[in-house]
Amino acid sequence: MFRDRFAVKYRNGGETAPALRVRRIAVTGTGECVGATLVASGLCLFFARKGVNVSYTEVGKPSEMRRLMYDILALDRRLGEENVKSVYGAVKDSEPLKDGENRAEGVFWRVITAEDAERGIELDPAETARLISTACGMVQIFDIPAREDFNRHLLDMDLIVAVADPMPSKLLRQKDRIKAIKRIASAGNKVIWVVNRMNGGVSRRQVQGFLREEQILYGEEIPAEKIYNAEFRCALPHGDGDVMAEYDSIFTKISQSIGI
């Protein structure tokens, strides 16, 4: 009964606290461009700042990615292009994967690289499963696209964070995806709903009525200038103290839901 327990060092005061086994969190959207990656990367920074060993794994098809976390973080500048490990290349070429690759801001970034996208690497389901199974860290966060062919990988997670944009026209077009996530939840998988980009024009009552969920976490819309400014600085929006403070309660509830 003690094999799954170990201690985690927290930076604030160096205290040691008991922790449970490794936790896997999938963050996925109800559709494209709803802010799932923003939530996933912010959640990574939240855990890292708590002193928790955490990794981020970008799941997807490299040639079809609209943006790469590799570019957002400017990992080539941070670590040196020659030092960035391509986990996709390693999986595709059946090479060994080591713990602790691509560490920046306290997070291990297992991302799609620019070279992966140029090569047009495409992992089959078994290779994607290996990508996921080789993640490191006490908390492992997976940024999974809103595509039916990736849904199978949601089933083995300790928690699924479903992210939605409250704009009615988006929710209406994404109703099939919402139903699919609800079916996964009905099968016994734990799902937390996060509605971000909240602003004064949004009716919480109508959003809740559409999603038919009693427990929804709401996050205010991050000002566009903070998102652009962060990327020009090769950083993440949640690296801004005000932005993290806005999402702190959301991330805390997600953390508590998995016992950390």
C-alpha atoms as a PDB file:
ATOM      1  CA  MET A   1       0.000   0.000   0.000  1.00  0.00           C
ATOM      2  CA  PHE A   2       3.015   2.282   0.344  1.00  0.00           C
ATOM      3  CA  ARG A   3       4.438   1.822  -3.140  1.00  0.00           C
ATOM      4  CA  ASP A   4       2.222   4.509  -4.674  1.00  0.00           C
ATOM      5  CA  ARG A   5       3.166   7.143  -2.121  1.00  0.00           C
ATOM      6  CA  PHE A   6       6.161   9.456  -2.238  1.00  0.00           C
ATOM      7  CA  ALA A   7       7.076  12.931  -1.070  1.00  0.00           C
ATOM      8  CA  VAL A   8       7.122  16.182  -3.016  1.00  0.00           C
ATOM      9  CA  LYS A   9       9.282  19.141  -2.072  1.00  0.00           C
ATOM     10  CA  TYR A  10       7.455  22.449  -2.095  1.00  0.00           C
ATOM     11  CA  ARG A  11       9.484  25.573  -2.746  1.00  0.00           C
ATOM     12  CA  ASN A  12       7.727  27.715  -0.173  1.00  0.00           C
ATOM     13  CA  GLY A  13       9.662  26.919   2.963  1.00  0.00           C
ATOM     14  CA  GLY A  14      11.025  23.593   1.754  1.00  0.00           C
ATOM     15  CA  GLU A  15       8.297  21.636   3.528  1.00  0.00           C
ATOM     16  CA  THR A  16       7.679  18.064   2.522  1.00  0.00           C
ATOM     17  CA  ALA A  17       4.117  16.968   1.853  1.00  0.00           C
ATOM     18  CA  PRO A  18       2.788  13.494   1.067  1.00  0.00           C
ATOM     19  CA  ALA A  19       1.556  12.950  -2.472  1.00  0.00           C
ATOM     20  CA  LEU A  20      -0.399  10.243  -4.192  1.00  0.00           C
ATOM     21  CA  ARG A  21       0.519   8.330  -7.310  1.00  0.00           C
ATOM     22  CA  VAL A  22       1.113   9.928 -10.706  1.00  0.00           C
ATOM     23  CA  ARG A  23      -1.937  11.744 -12.046  1.00  0.00           C
ATOM     24  CA  ARG A  24      -2.819  12.072 -15.730  1.00  0.00           C
ATOM     25  CA  ILE A  25      -4.937  14.988 -16.891  1.00  0.00           C
ATOM     26  CA  ALA A  26      -6.249  15.351 -20.434  1.00  0.00           C
ATOM     27  CA  VAL A  27      -7.245  18.855 -21.510  1.00  0.00           C
ATOM     28  CA  THR A  28      -9.434  18.916 -24.595  1.00  0.00           C
ATOM     29  CA  GLY A  29     -11.779  21.394 -26.215  1.00  0.00           C
ATOM     30  CA  THR A  30     -15.376  21.192 -27.343  1.00  0.00           C
ATOM     31  CA  GLY A  31     -14.000  22.320 -30.696  1.00  0.00           C
ATOM     32  CA  GLU A  32     -11.051  24.112 -32.237  1.00  0.00           C
ATOM     33  CA  CYS A  33      -9.760  27.454 -30.993  1.00  0.00           C
ATOM     34  CA  VAL A  34     -11.667  27.429 -27.691  1.00  0.00           C
ATOM     35  CA  GLY A  35      -8.622  27.923 -25.449  1.00  0.00           C
ATOM     36  CA  ALA A  36      -7.794  24.343 -24.443  1.00  0.00           C
ATOM     37  CA  THR A  37      -4.059  24.833 -25.005  1.00  0.00           C
ATOM     38  CA  LEU A  38      -4.161  28.026 -22.966  1.00  0.00           C
ATOM     39  CA  VAL A  39      -5.734  26.125 -20.071  1.00  0.00           C
ATOM     40  CA  ALA A  40      -3.379  23.138 -20.412  1.00  0.00           C
ATOM     41  CA  SER A  41      -0.202  25.232 -20.448  1.00  0.00           C
ATOM     42  CA  GLY A  42      -1.443  27.470 -17.637  1.00  0.00           C
ATOM     43  CA  LEU A  43      -2.235  24.407 -15.542  1.00  0.00           C
ATOM     44  CA  CYS A  44       1.345  23.214 -16.072  1.00  0.00           C
ATOM     45  CA  LEU A  45       2.737  26.512 -14.760  1.00  0.00           C
ATOM     46  CA  PHE A  46       0.353  26.345 -11.792  1.00  0.00           C
ATOM     47  CA  PHE A  47       1.676  22.944 -10.716  1.00  0.00           C
ATOM     48  CA  ALA A  48       5.289  23.901 -11.427  1.00  0.00           C
ATOM     49  CA  ARG A  49       4.987  26.955  -9.173  1.00  0.00           C
ATOM     50  CA  LYS A  50       3.697  24.668  -6.418  1.00  0.00           C
ATOM     51  CA  GLY A  51       6.888  22.666  -6.722  1.00  0.00           C
ATOM     52  CA  VAL A  52       5.166  19.700  -8.374  1.00  0.00           C
ATOM     53  CA  ASN A  53       7.063  17.736 -11.012  1.00  0.00           C
ATOM     54  CA  VAL A  54       4.923  18.241 -14.132  1.00  0.00           C
ATOM     55  CA  SER A  55       5.057  17.527 -17.853  1.00  0.00           C
ATOM     56  CA  TYR A  56       3.096  18.801 -20.842  1.00  0.00           C
ATOM     57  CA  THR A  57       2.524  16.520 -23.823  1.00  0.00           C
ATOM     58  CA  GLU A  58       1.218  17.995 -27.061  1.00  0.00           C
ATOM     59  CA  VAL A  59      -0.912  15.368 -28.795  1.00  0.00           C
ATOM     60  CA  GLY A  60      -1.862  15.877 -32.426  1.00  0.00           C
ATOM     61  CA  LYS A  61      -0.858  15.630 -36.054  1.00  0.00           C
ATOM     62  CA  PRO A  62       2.224  17.816 -36.599  1.00  0.00           C
ATOM     63  CA  SER A  63       1.455  18.738 -40.213  1.00  0.00           C
ATOM     64  CA  GLU A  64      -2.018  19.985 -39.263  1.00  0.00           C
ATOM     65  CA  MET A  65      -1.111  22.132 -36.258  1.00  0.00           C
ATOM     66  CA  ARG A  66      -2.099  25.794 -36.543  1.00  0.00           C
ATOM     67  CA  ARG A  67       0.339  26.829 -33.822  1.00  0.00           C
ATOM     68  CA  LEU A  68       3.104  25.015 -32.005  1.00  0.00           C
ATOM     69  CA  MET A  69       3.919  25.267 -28.331  1.00  0.00           C
ATOM     70  CA  TYR A  70       7.507  24.929 -29.515  1.00  0.00           C
ATOM     71  CA  ASP A  71       7.194  28.352 -31.183  1.00  0.00           C
ATOM     72  CA  ILE A  72       5.106  29.933 -28.419  1.00  0.00           C
ATOM     73  CA  LEU A  73       7.774  29.085 -25.850  1.00  0.00           C
ATOM     74  CA  ALA A  74      10.642  29.629 -28.313  1.00  0.00           C
ATOM     75  CA  LEU A  75      12.260  26.455 -27.050  1.00  0.00           C
ATOM     76  CA  ASP A  76      14.985  26.705 -29.667  1.00  0.00           C
ATOM     77  CA  ARG A  77      16.097  30.011 -28.104  1.00  0.00           C
ATOM     78  CA  ARG A  78      15.612  28.890 -24.528  1.00  0.00           C
ATOM     79  CA  LEU A  79      17.436  25.582 -24.801  1.00  0.00           C
ATOM     80  CA  GLY A  80      19.337  25.799 -28.073  1.00  0.00           C
ATOM     81  CA  GLU A  81      17.862  24.120 -31.145  1.00  0.00           C
ATOM     82  CA  GLU A  82      20.320  21.249 -30.901  1.00  0.00           C
ATOM     83  CA  ASN A  83      19.229  20.535 -27.306  1.00  0.00           C
ATOM     84  CA  VAL A  84      15.489  20.258 -27.951  1.00  0.00           C
ATOM     85  CA  LYS A  85      14.438  16.612 -27.912  1.00  0.00           C
ATOM     86  CA  SER A  86      11.872  15.589 -30.518  1.00  0.00           C
ATOM     87  CA  VAL A  87       9.640  13.130 -28.690  1.00  0.00           C
ATOM     88  CA  TYR A  88       7.595  12.592 -31.853  1.00  0.00           C
ATOM     89  CA  GLY A  89      10.709  11.715 -33.805  1.00  0.00           C
ATOM     90  CA  ALA A  90      11.842   9.345 -31.065  1.00  0.00           C
ATOM     91  CA  VAL A  91       8.487   7.574 -30.978  1.00  0.00           C
ATOM     92  CA  LYS A  92       8.254   7.317 -34.773  1.00  0.00           C
ATOM     93  CA  ASP A  93      11.819   6.057 -35.100  1.00  0.00           C
ATOM     94  CA  SER A  94      11.453   3.635 -32.160  1.00  0.00           C
ATOM     95  CA  GLU A  95      14.151   5.386 -30.175  1.00  0.00           C
ATOM     96  CA  PRO A  96      14.321   5.399 -26.363  1.00  0.00           C
ATOM     97  CA  LEU A  97      12.697   8.271 -24.496  1.00  0.00           C
ATOM     98  CA  LYS A  98      14.298   9.689 -21.375  1.00  0.00           C
ATOM     99  CA  ASP A  99      12.692  11.483 -18.452  1.00  0.00           C
ATOM    100  CA  GLY A 100      13.321  15.175 -18.084  1.00  0.00           C
ATOM    101  CA  GLU A 101      13.526  16.383 -21.675  1.00  0.00           C
ATOM    102  CA  ASN A 102      13.008  20.032 -22.675  1.00  0.00           C
ATOM    103  CA  ARG A 103      12.676  21.564 -19.215  1.00  0.00           C
ATOM    104  CA  ALA A 104      11.695  25.235 -19.085  1.00  0.00           C
ATOM    105  CA  GLU A 105       9.820  27.210 -16.420  1.00  0.00           C
ATOM    106  CA  GLY A 106       9.736  24.090 -14.257  1.00  0.00           C
ATOM    107  CA  VAL A 107       7.857  22.052 -16.872  1.00  0.00           C
ATOM    108  CA  PHE A 108       8.983  19.224 -19.156  1.00  0.00           C
ATOM    109  CA  TRP A 109       7.675  20.246 -22.580  1.00  0.00           C
ATOM    110  CA  ARG A 110       7.019  17.174 -24.738  1.00  0.00           C
ATOM    111  CA  VAL A 111       5.982  19.157 -27.772  1.00  0.00           C
ATOM    112  CA  ILE A 112       5.763  18.954 -31.532  1.00  0.00           C
ATOM    113  CA  THR A 113       8.862  20.625 -32.938  1.00  0.00           C
ATOM    114  CA  ALA A 114       9.120  22.667 -36.116  1.00  0.00           C
ATOM    115  CA  GLU A 115      11.111  19.794 -37.638  1.00  0.00           C
ATOM    116  CA  ASP A 116       8.325  17.326 -36.747  1.00  0.00           C
ATOM    117  CA  ALA A 117       5.845  19.516 -38.613  1.00  0.00           C
ATOM    118  CA  GLU A 118       8.165  19.856 -41.623  1.00  0.00           C
ATOM    119  CA  ARG A 119       8.712  16.095 -41.732  1.00  0.00           C
ATOM    120  CA  GLY A 120       4.963  15.555 -41.602  1.00  0.00           C
ATOM    121  CA  ILE A 121       5.327  12.983 -38.848  1.00  0.00           C
ATOM    122  CA  GLU A 122       2.069  11.200 -38.135  1.00  0.00           C
ATOM    123  CA  LEU A 123       1.781   8.766 -35.253  1.00  0.00           C
ATOM    124  CA  ASP A 124      -0.566   5.809 -35.498  1.00  0.00           C
ATOM    125  CA  PRO A 125      -2.789   4.951 -32.485  1.00  0.00           C
ATOM    126  CA  ALA A 126      -0.200   2.585 -30.994  1.00  0.00           C
ATOM    127  CA  GLU A 127       2.556   5.172 -31.346  1.00  0.00           C
ATOM    128  CA  THR A 128       0.337   7.856 -29.825  1.00  0.00           C
ATOM    129  CA  ALA A 129      -0.314   5.491 -26.923  1.00  0.00           C
ATOM    130  CA  ARG A 130       3.461   5.153 -26.473  1.00  0.00           C
ATOM    131  CA  LEU A 131       3.841   8.938 -26.571  1.00  0.00           C
ATOM    132  CA  ILE A 132       1.329   9.188 -23.734  1.00  0.00           C
ATOM    133  CA  SER A 133       2.653   6.237 -21.707  1.00  0.00           C
ATOM    134  CA  THR A 134       6.212   7.604 -21.666  1.00  0.00           C
ATOM    135  CA  ALA A 135       5.279  10.974 -20.139  1.00  0.00           C
ATOM    136  CA  CYS A 136       7.167  11.936 -16.997  1.00  0.00           C
ATOM    137  CA  GLY A 137       6.299  13.806 -13.820  1.00  0.00           C
ATOM    138  CA  MET A 138       4.001  13.414 -10.845  1.00  0.00           C
ATOM    139  CA  VAL A 139       1.357  15.321 -12.829  1.00  0.00           C
ATOM    140  CA  GLN A 140       1.186  14.579 -16.546  1.00  0.00           C
ATOM    141  CA  ILE A 141      -0.889  16.946 -18.643  1.00  0.00           C
ATOM    142  CA  PHE A 142      -1.934  16.040 -22.177  1.00  0.00           C
ATOM    143  CA  ASP A 143      -3.204  18.626 -24.645  1.00  0.00           C
ATOM    144  CA  ILE A 144      -5.522  16.497 -26.795  1.00  0.00           C
ATOM    145  CA  PRO A 145      -7.265  17.874 -29.905  1.00  0.00           C
ATOM    146  CA  ALA A 146     -11.040  17.924 -30.307  1.00  0.00           C
ATOM    147  CA  ARG A 147     -11.071  15.060 -32.784  1.00  0.00           C
ATOM    148  CA  GLU A 148     -12.965  11.794 -32.595  1.00  0.00           C
ATOM    149  CA  ASP A 149      -9.927   9.729 -33.551  1.00  0.00           C
ATOM    150  CA  PHE A 150      -8.133  10.874 -30.387  1.00  0.00           C
ATOM    151  CA  ASN A 151     -11.034  10.144 -28.011  1.00  0.00           C
ATOM    152  CA  ARG A 152      -9.718   6.674 -27.175  1.00  0.00           C
ATOM    153  CA  HIS A 153      -6.793   8.309 -25.407  1.00  0.00           C
ATOM    154  CA  LEU A 154      -9.134  10.155 -23.051  1.00  0.00           C
ATOM    155  CA  LEU A 155     -10.337   6.922 -21.489  1.00  0.00           C
ATOM    156  CA  ASP A 156      -7.181   6.135 -19.506  1.00  0.00           C
ATOM    157  CA  MET A 157      -6.900   9.535 -17.833  1.00  0.00           C
ATOM    158  CA  ASP A 158      -7.508  10.300 -14.158  1.00  0.00           C
ATOM    159  CA  LEU A 159      -9.265  13.491 -15.188  1.00  0.00           C
ATOM    160  CA  ILE A 160     -10.559  15.106 -18.363  1.00  0.00           C
ATOM    161  CA  VAL A 161     -10.780  18.899 -18.447  1.00  0.00           C
ATOM    162  CA  ALA A 162     -13.282  19.882 -21.145  1.00  0.00           C
ATOM    163  CA  VAL A 163     -12.815  23.484 -22.277  1.00  0.00           C
ATOM    164  CA  ALA A 164     -15.542  25.480 -23.987  1.00  0.00           C
ATOM    165  CA  ASP A 165     -15.933  28.970 -25.422  1.00  0.00           C
ATOM    166  CA  PRO A 166     -19.292  30.452 -24.301  1.00  0.00           C
ATOM    167  CA  MET A 167     -20.137  32.006 -27.678  1.00  0.00           C
ATOM    168  CA  PRO A 168     -23.539  30.502 -28.616  1.00  0.00           C
ATOM    169  CA  SER A 169     -22.726  29.994 -32.306  1.00  0.00           C
ATOM    170  CA  LYS A 170     -19.649  27.962 -31.333  1.00  0.00           C
ATOM    171  CA  LEU A 171     -21.500  25.864 -28.763  1.00  0.00           C
ATOM    172  CA  LEU A 172     -24.251  25.064 -31.254  1.00  0.00           C
ATOM    173  CA  ARG A 173     -21.749  23.823 -33.856  1.00  0.00           C
ATOM    174  CA  GLN A 174     -19.922  21.808 -31.192  1.00  0.00           C
ATOM    175  CA  LYS A 175     -22.933  19.989 -29.754  1.00  0.00           C
ATOM    176  CA  ASP A 176     -21.809  16.612 -31.132  1.00  0.00           C
ATOM    177  CA  ARG A 177     -18.418  16.974 -29.477  1.00  0.00           C
ATOM    178  CA  ILE A 178     -20.091  17.984 -26.216  1.00  0.00           C
ATOM    179  CA  LYS A 179     -22.317  14.888 -26.400  1.00  0.00           C
ATOM    180  CA  ALA A 180     -19.263  12.706 -27.027  1.00  0.00           C
ATOM    181  CA  ILE A 181     -17.516  14.049 -23.917  1.00  0.00           C
ATOM    182  CA  LYS A 182     -20.689  13.519 -21.907  1.00  0.00           C
ATOM    183  CA  ARG A 183     -20.822   9.889 -23.051  1.00  0.00           C
ATOM    184  CA  ILE A 184     -17.252   9.437 -21.858  1.00  0.00           C
ATOM    185  CA  ALA A 185     -18.263  10.913 -18.498  1.00  0.00           C
ATOM    186  CA  SER A 186     -21.317   8.633 -18.321  1.00  0.00           C
ATOM    187  CA  ALA A 187     -18.999   5.650 -18.770  1.00  0.00           C
ATOM    188  CA  GLY A 188     -17.339   6.551 -15.478  1.00  0.00           C
ATOM    189  CA  ASN A 189     -14.565   8.920 -16.521  1.00  0.00           C
ATOM    190  CA  LYS A 190     -14.123  12.030 -14.393  1.00  0.00           C
ATOM    191  CA  VAL A 191     -14.780  15.246 -16.335  1.00  0.00           C
ATOM    192  CA  ILE A 192     -14.512  18.871 -15.222  1.00  0.00           C
ATOM    193  CA  TRP A 193     -15.988  21.556 -17.461  1.00  0.00           C
ATOM    194  CA  VAL A 194     -14.184  24.876 -17.861  1.00  0.00           C
ATOM    195  CA  VAL A 195     -15.810  27.752 -19.711  1.00  0.00           C
ATOM    196  CA  ASN A 196     -13.235  30.417 -20.438  1.00  0.00           C
ATOM    197  CA  ARG A 197     -13.340  33.749 -22.255  1.00  0.00           C
ATOM    198  CA  MET A 198     -16.089  34.920 -19.924  1.00  0.00           C
ATOM    199  CA  ASN A 199     -17.105  38.562 -20.213  1.00  0.00           C
ATOM    200  CA  GLY A 200     -20.022  40.856 -19.444  1.00  0.00           C
ATOM    201  CA  GLY A 201     -21.945  39.770 -22.526  1.00  0.00           C
ATOM    202  CA  VAL A 202     -22.162  36.103 -21.501  1.00  0.00           C
ATOM    203  CA  SER A 203     -25.243  34.625 -19.808  1.00  0.00           C
ATOM    204  CA  ARG A 204     -24.047  32.000 -17.337  1.00  0.00           C
ATOM    205  CA  ARG A 205     -27.602  30.739 -16.947  1.00  0.00           C
ATOM    206  CA  GLN A 206     -27.905  30.005 -20.662  1.00  0.00           C
ATOM    207  CA  VAL A 207     -24.450  28.460 -20.900  1.00  0.00           C
ATOM    208  CA  GLN A 208     -25.218  26.182 -17.966  1.00  0.00           C
ATOM    209  CA  GLY A 209     -28.592  25.318 -19.477  1.00  0.00           C
ATOM    210  CA  PHE A 210     -26.963  24.387 -22.784  1.00  0.00           C
ATOM    211  CA  LEU A 211     -24.214  22.270 -21.236  1.00  0.00           C
ATOM    212  CA  ARG A 212     -26.602  20.802 -18.642  1.00  0.00           C
ATOM    213  CA  GLU A 213     -23.844  20.617 -16.064  1.00  0.00           C
ATOM    214  CA  GLU A 214     -24.265  21.633 -12.435  1.00  0.00           C
ATOM    215  CA  GLN A 215     -20.566  22.177 -11.791  1.00  0.00           C
ATOM    216  CA  ILE A 216     -18.816  24.472 -14.271  1.00  0.00           C
ATOM    217  CA  LEU A 217     -15.636  26.461 -13.672  1.00  0.00           C
ATOM    218  CA  TYR A 218     -15.630  29.885 -15.301  1.00  0.00           C
ATOM    219  CA  GLY A 219     -12.563  31.844 -16.353  1.00  0.00           C
ATOM    220  CA  GLU A 220     -12.550  35.474 -17.431  1.00  0.00           C
ATOM    221  CA  GLU A 221     -11.342  36.360 -20.894  1.00  0.00           C
ATOM    222  CA  ILE A 222      -7.628  37.139 -20.923  1.00  0.00           C
ATOM    223  CA  PRO A 223      -6.994  40.552 -22.525  1.00  0.00           C
ATOM    224  CA  ALA A 224      -5.596  40.122 -26.031  1.00  0.00           C
ATOM    225  CA  GLU A 225      -2.687  42.432 -25.284  1.00  0.00           C
ATOM    226  CA  LYS A 226      -1.490  40.103 -22.517  1.00  0.00           C
ATOM    227  CA  ILE A 227      -1.555  37.110 -24.853  1.00  0.00           C
ATOM    228  CA  TYR A 228       0.308  38.937 -27.602  1.00  0.00           C
ATOM    229  CA  ASN A 229       2.763  40.502 -25.174  1.00  0.00           C
ATOM    230  CA  ALA A 230       3.554  37.119 -23.645  1.00  0.00           C
ATOM    231  CA  GLU A 231       4.278  35.567 -27.030  1.00  0.00           C
ATOM    232  CA  PHE A 232       6.489  38.461 -28.085  1.00  0.00           C
ATOM    233  CA  ARG A 233       8.436  37.793 -24.868  1.00  0.00           C
ATOM    234  CA  CYS A 234       8.571  34.060 -25.664  1.00  0.00           C
ATOM    235  CA  ALA A 235       6.507  33.364 -22.569  1.00  0.00           C
ATOM    236  CA  LEU A 236       3.073  32.068 -21.599  1.00  0.00           C
ATOM    237  CA  PRO A 237       0.132  34.331 -20.643  1.00  0.00           C
ATOM    238  CA  HIS A 238      -0.187  32.605 -17.266  1.00  0.00           C
ATOM    239  CA  GLY A 239       3.357  33.685 -16.510  1.00  0.00           C
ATOM    240  CA  ASP A 240       1.748  37.077 -15.856  1.00  0.00           C
ATOM    241  CA  GLY A 241       0.826  37.303 -12.179  1.00  0.00           C
ATOM    242  CA  ASP A 242      -2.547  38.926 -12.860  1.00  0.00           C
ATOM    243  CA  VAL A 243      -3.530  36.250 -15.360  1.00  0.00           C
ATOM    244  CA  MET A 244      -2.502  33.426 -13.036  1.00  0.00           C
ATOM    245  CA  ALA A 245      -4.373  35.067 -10.172  1.00  0.00           C
ATOM    246  CA  GLU A 246      -7.535  35.067 -12.299  1.00  0.00           C
ATOM    247  CA  TYR A 247      -7.204  31.346 -12.994  1.00  0.00           C
ATOM    248  CA  ASP A 248      -5.798  30.331  -9.622  1.00  0.00           C
ATOM    249  CA  SER A 249      -9.162  29.225  -8.210  1.00  0.00           C
ATOM    250  CA  ILE A 250      -9.892  27.146 -11.328  1.00  0.00           C
ATOM    251  CA  PHE A 251      -6.534  25.410 -11.245  1.00  0.00           C
ATOM    252  CA  THR A 252      -6.798  24.889  -7.486  1.00  0.00           C
ATOM    253  CA  LYS A 253     -10.141  23.116  -7.880  1.00  0.00           C
ATOM    254  CA  ILE A 254      -8.721  20.952 -10.653  1.00  0.00           C
ATOM    255  CA  SER A 255      -5.742  20.113  -8.428  1.00  0.00           C
ATOM    256  CA  GLN A 256      -7.980  19.263  -5.476  1.00  0.00           C
ATOM    257  CA  SER A 257     -10.151  17.038  -7.648  1.00  0.00           C
ATOM    258  CA  ILE A 258      -7.178  14.708  -8.223  1.00  0.00           C
ATOM    259  CA  GLY A 259      -6.040  14.834  -4.620  1.00  0.00           C
ATOM    260  CA  ILE A 260      -3.033  17.119  -4.971  1.00  0.00           C
END
